[in-house]
């Protein structure tokens, strides 16, 4: 994990399983550089305090589920949406030319992404075929923001499919 954990302050973290961590204990010396200072520690703790105080994990869960429901309603309207997936505010909409074969709709993904950008929403396209619209808004993203995103996506889909 990188920058977001420090709200822009340069920080990073590693999260792993015991099995992966233990795999480094194999007789070979493993060395990595680490740096730490009181300012970075204070920043990290302050970010964690705000996440807890403002219940941002709950917000990410609730708004993320609200968006997934909205994306699924869009899937009923637009055959190009092959799959909707996500957890919290890490979300994806897979675009396909055929739902049965799952043939990627790469060109339309770019077109919809560009349409959203022109309407003020930044997202990316990802996946092996660059056909998944990837959204990962900040943890303070709320239902009003989500409704705006859904409106922009709907308009972008309609314009791209004309």
Protein backbone atom coordinates (compact mmCIF):
# COMPACT_ATOMS: atom_id res chain seq x y z
CA UNK A 1 0.00 0.00 0.00
CA UNK A 2 1.22 3.45 -0.67
CA UNK A 3 0.29 7.13 -0.65
CA UNK A 4 -3.39 6.85 0.34
CA UNK A 5 -2.53 5.44 3.75
CA UNK A 6 -0.82 8.73 4.60
CA UNK A 7 -3.44 10.97 2.96
CA UNK A 8 -0.78 12.16 0.54
CA UNK A 9 2.15 11.95 2.95
CA UNK A 10 4.68 9.46 1.57
CA UNK A 11 4.05 6.22 3.45
CA UNK A 12 3.78 2.56 2.66
CA UNK A 13 2.80 -0.67 4.35
CA UNK A 14 2.90 -4.38 3.71
CA UNK A 15 0.05 -6.70 4.63
CA UNK A 16 0.58 -10.40 4.17
CA UNK A 17 -0.22 -13.82 5.54
CA UNK A 18 1.92 -15.69 8.04
CA UNK A 19 2.67 -18.26 5.31
CA UNK A 20 4.14 -15.63 2.99
CA UNK A 21 6.11 -13.97 5.80
CA UNK A 22 7.50 -17.34 6.91
CA UNK A 23 8.64 -18.10 3.35
CA UNK A 24 11.36 -15.46 3.80
CA UNK A 25 12.78 -17.47 6.72
CA UNK A 26 14.53 -19.95 4.43
CA UNK A 27 18.19 -19.62 5.39
CA UNK A 28 18.83 -16.89 2.81
CA UNK A 29 19.42 -13.44 4.19
CA UNK A 30 16.70 -11.05 3.16
CA UNK A 31 17.33 -7.35 3.56
CA UNK A 32 15.14 -4.37 2.90
CA UNK A 33 15.49 -0.76 3.87
CA UNK A 34 13.09 0.75 6.32
CA UNK A 35 12.66 4.32 7.35
CA UNK A 36 10.62 5.81 10.09
CA UNK A 37 10.33 9.10 11.80
CA UNK A 38 8.00 10.73 14.32
CA UNK A 39 6.26 12.87 11.69
CA UNK A 40 5.34 9.90 9.50
CA UNK A 41 4.17 7.94 12.53
CA UNK A 42 1.99 10.87 13.62
CA UNK A 43 0.53 11.14 10.12
CA UNK A 44 -0.29 7.43 10.01
CA UNK A 45 -1.93 7.52 13.42
CA UNK A 46 -3.92 10.65 12.51
CA UNK A 47 -5.24 8.97 9.36
CA UNK A 48 -6.28 5.91 11.37
CA UNK A 49 -7.96 8.15 13.96
CA UNK A 50 -10.02 9.92 11.27
CA UNK A 51 -11.01 6.62 9.66
CA UNK A 52 -12.29 5.39 13.02
CA UNK A 53 -13.81 8.68 14.19
CA UNK A 54 -15.73 9.31 10.97
CA UNK A 55 -16.65 5.62 10.51
CA UNK A 56 -15.15 5.65 7.03
CA UNK A 57 -14.98 1.85 6.79
CA UNK A 58 -18.75 1.70 7.33
CA UNK A 59 -19.17 4.48 4.79
CA UNK A 60 -17.08 2.63 2.21
CA UNK A 61 -19.09 -0.54 2.79
CA UNK A 62 -22.50 1.18 2.60
CA UNK A 63 -21.78 3.50 -0.32
CA UNK A 64 -19.95 0.72 -2.15
CA UNK A 65 -22.99 -1.55 -1.85
CA UNK A 66 -25.24 1.32 -2.95
CA UNK A 67 -23.07 1.77 -6.05
CA UNK A 68 -23.02 -1.97 -6.78
CA UNK A 69 -26.83 -1.96 -6.67
CA UNK A 70 -26.88 1.02 -9.03
CA UNK A 71 -24.41 -0.65 -11.39
CA UNK A 72 -26.57 -3.80 -11.43
CA UNK A 73 -29.60 -1.71 -12.38
CA UNK A 74 -27.50 -0.24 -15.19
CA UNK A 75 -26.59 -3.79 -16.21
CA UNK A 76 -30.31 -4.44 -16.76
CA UNK A 77 -30.41 -1.44 -19.12
CA UNK A 78 -27.13 -1.92 -20.97
CA UNK A 79 -26.26 -5.31 -22.50
CA UNK A 80 -22.64 -4.20 -22.78
CA UNK A 81 -22.22 -4.63 -19.00
CA UNK A 82 -21.06 -8.21 -18.55
CA UNK A 83 -20.20 -8.10 -14.87
CA UNK A 84 -20.33 -5.77 -11.90
CA UNK A 85 -17.97 -6.41 -9.01
CA UNK A 86 -16.32 -4.75 -6.09
CA UNK A 87 -15.81 -4.55 -2.39
CA UNK A 88 -16.24 -1.33 -0.48
CA UNK A 89 -15.24 1.52 -2.75
CA UNK A 90 -13.02 -0.57 -5.02
CA UNK A 91 -15.38 -1.19 -7.93
CA UNK A 92 -15.37 -2.49 -11.47
CA UNK A 93 -17.76 -2.74 -14.39
CA UNK A 94 -16.69 -5.25 -17.04
CA UNK A 95 -17.77 -4.33 -20.55
CA UNK A 96 -18.37 -7.05 -23.15
CA UNK A 97 -19.74 -7.24 -26.67
CA UNK A 98 -21.48 -10.53 -25.84
CA UNK A 99 -22.49 -11.65 -22.35
CA UNK A 100 -22.30 -15.33 -23.23
CA UNK A 101 -18.80 -15.33 -24.71
CA UNK A 102 -17.61 -12.43 -22.51
CA UNK A 103 -15.85 -10.96 -25.57
CA UNK A 104 -14.20 -7.74 -24.31
CA UNK A 105 -15.57 -4.36 -25.38
CA UNK A 106 -12.26 -2.52 -25.15
CA UNK A 107 -13.09 0.30 -27.55
CA UNK A 108 -16.40 1.04 -25.83
CA UNK A 109 -14.70 0.97 -22.42
CA UNK A 110 -12.34 3.70 -23.61
CA UNK A 111 -15.21 5.66 -25.09
CA UNK A 112 -17.23 5.48 -21.87
CA UNK A 113 -14.17 6.33 -19.81
CA UNK A 114 -13.54 9.38 -22.01
CA UNK A 115 -17.22 10.37 -21.77
CA UNK A 116 -17.11 10.21 -17.98
CA UNK A 117 -13.92 12.29 -17.96
CA UNK A 118 -15.57 14.91 -20.18
CA UNK A 119 -18.41 15.00 -17.62
CA UNK A 120 -15.99 15.51 -14.71
CA UNK A 121 -15.52 11.94 -13.41
CA UNK A 122 -12.07 10.33 -13.44
CA UNK A 123 -11.74 6.57 -13.51
CA UNK A 124 -9.57 4.07 -15.30
CA UNK A 125 -9.81 1.07 -17.55
CA UNK A 126 -8.10 -2.11 -16.39
CA UNK A 127 -7.96 -5.83 -16.96
CA UNK A 128 -6.14 -8.00 -19.47
CA UNK A 129 -8.27 -6.52 -22.27
CA UNK A 130 -8.55 -3.01 -20.80
CA UNK A 131 -12.35 -3.43 -20.74
CA UNK A 132 -13.11 -2.99 -17.04
CA UNK A 133 -14.10 0.45 -15.79
CA UNK A 134 -12.30 0.74 -12.46
CA UNK A 135 -13.44 3.17 -9.81
CA UNK A 136 -11.88 3.71 -6.42
CA UNK A 137 -13.11 6.94 -4.90
CA UNK A 138 -11.87 8.18 -1.55
CA UNK A 139 -13.38 6.86 1.66
CA UNK A 140 -15.35 10.08 2.19
CA UNK A 141 -17.33 9.47 -1.02
CA UNK A 142 -21.00 9.72 -0.03
CA UNK A 143 -24.41 8.85 -1.50
CA UNK A 144 -24.76 12.26 -3.15
CA UNK A 145 -21.41 11.67 -4.86
CA UNK A 146 -22.54 8.14 -5.76
CA UNK A 147 -25.74 9.44 -7.36
CA UNK A 148 -23.67 11.88 -9.41
CA UNK A 149 -21.36 9.06 -10.51
CA UNK A 150 -24.35 6.92 -11.53
CA UNK A 151 -25.85 9.80 -13.52
CA UNK A 152 -22.55 10.49 -15.30
CA UNK A 153 -22.01 6.81 -16.08
CA UNK A 154 -25.53 6.46 -17.41
CA UNK A 155 -25.08 9.49 -19.68
CA UNK A 156 -21.68 8.21 -20.81
CA UNK A 157 -23.07 4.77 -21.65
CA UNK A 158 -25.97 6.28 -23.57
CA UNK A 159 -23.66 8.57 -25.56
CA UNK A 160 -21.15 5.79 -26.33
CA UNK A 161 -23.85 3.39 -27.52
CA UNK A 162 -25.52 5.81 -29.94
